Structures are given as structure tokens and as C-alpha cells.
Amino acid sequence: MHSYSERIIYTIYRYSVDDCIYEFGIPDENSDTIYNIDIYLLSQAPIYEYGEEILEAN
């Protein structure tokens, strides 16, 4: 799970299954909505620039 800030604040969930990476973007304002879904081959890095990552302070 990674949170980013660009035009909106959203969270990206990344899953690796077989030879693919699945990314689901969820806006923090409405966790019942999927903002985007991207599928990549493991031989390719995700190519989308999500903006600044928001690191949570522990």
C-alpha cells in the first residue's frame, strides 16, 4: 500500500500474481470507489508517475 498526492490524495495497492503486477488506485475520500486499475508484466516497471508519496510518521 502506497499513498500519493497529485491532484487528489489516493492510495495504490500493488499485488504480484504470477508474472503480472496489479495496481488498484483508491481515492482516500471515498474508499468504496476504484480510481484506476493498471496491469503490468513483471519485466516492465510501472511507468505512471503517481506524484509525491505520502510517508506516514510512526
Protein backbone atom coordinates (compact mmCIF):
# COMPACT_ATOMS: atom_id res chain seq x y z
CA MET A 1 0.00 0.00 0.00
CA HIS A 2 1.36 3.41 -1.02
CA SER A 3 -0.34 6.82 -0.66
CA TYR A 4 0.33 9.63 -3.12
CA SER A 5 -0.59 13.29 -3.54
CA GLU A 6 -1.00 14.77 -7.00
CA ARG A 7 -4.33 16.43 -7.83
CA ILE A 8 -6.03 14.33 -5.17
CA ILE A 9 -4.76 12.09 -2.37
CA TYR A 10 -5.14 8.42 -3.27
CA THR A 11 -3.78 5.05 -2.23
CA ILE A 12 -2.25 2.49 -4.59
CA TYR A 13 -2.49 -1.20 -3.73
CA ARG A 14 0.03 -3.39 -5.60
CA TYR A 15 -0.32 -7.15 -5.94
CA SER A 16 2.03 -9.55 -7.70
CA VAL A 17 0.33 -12.60 -9.19
CA ASP A 18 2.19 -15.00 -11.49
CA ASP A 19 4.07 -12.77 -13.97
CA CYS A 20 1.94 -9.64 -13.56
CA ILE A 21 1.69 -6.67 -11.20
CA TYR A 22 -1.83 -5.41 -10.50
CA GLU A 23 -2.30 -1.87 -9.18
CA PHE A 24 -5.57 -0.54 -7.80
CA GLY A 25 -5.95 3.17 -7.06
CA ILE A 26 -8.44 4.14 -4.32
CA PRO A 27 -9.25 7.79 -3.52
CA ASP A 28 -8.99 8.38 0.24
CA GLU A 29 -12.15 10.48 0.25
CA ASN A 30 -14.27 7.53 -0.90
CA SER A 31 -12.84 4.10 -0.17
CA ASP A 32 -15.75 2.39 -1.98
CA THR A 33 -14.54 3.72 -5.34
CA ILE A 34 -11.72 2.37 -7.51
CA TYR A 35 -9.94 5.28 -9.21
CA ASN A 36 -7.87 3.18 -11.61
CA ILE A 37 -6.65 -0.35 -12.32
CA ASP A 38 -3.30 -0.98 -14.05
CA ILE A 39 -1.75 -4.32 -15.02
CA TYR A 40 1.97 -4.66 -15.78
CA LEU A 41 4.23 -7.53 -16.74
CA LEU A 42 7.00 -8.20 -14.22
CA SER A 43 9.56 -7.41 -16.94
CA GLN A 44 8.19 -3.84 -17.04
CA ALA A 45 8.27 -1.41 -14.15
CA PRO A 46 5.10 0.60 -13.53
CA ILE A 47 5.51 3.57 -15.84
CA TYR A 48 2.98 6.00 -14.37
CA GLU A 49 4.29 8.84 -12.19
CA TYR A 50 1.92 8.96 -9.21
CA GLY A 51 3.29 12.16 -7.72
CA GLU A 52 4.73 12.66 -4.25
CA GLU A 53 4.44 9.66 -1.93
CA ILE A 54 2.97 10.46 1.47
CA LEU A 55 5.00 8.70 4.14
CA GLU A 56 3.16 8.09 7.40
CA ALA A 57 5.03 9.02 10.56
CA ASN A 58 5.06 6.23 13.15
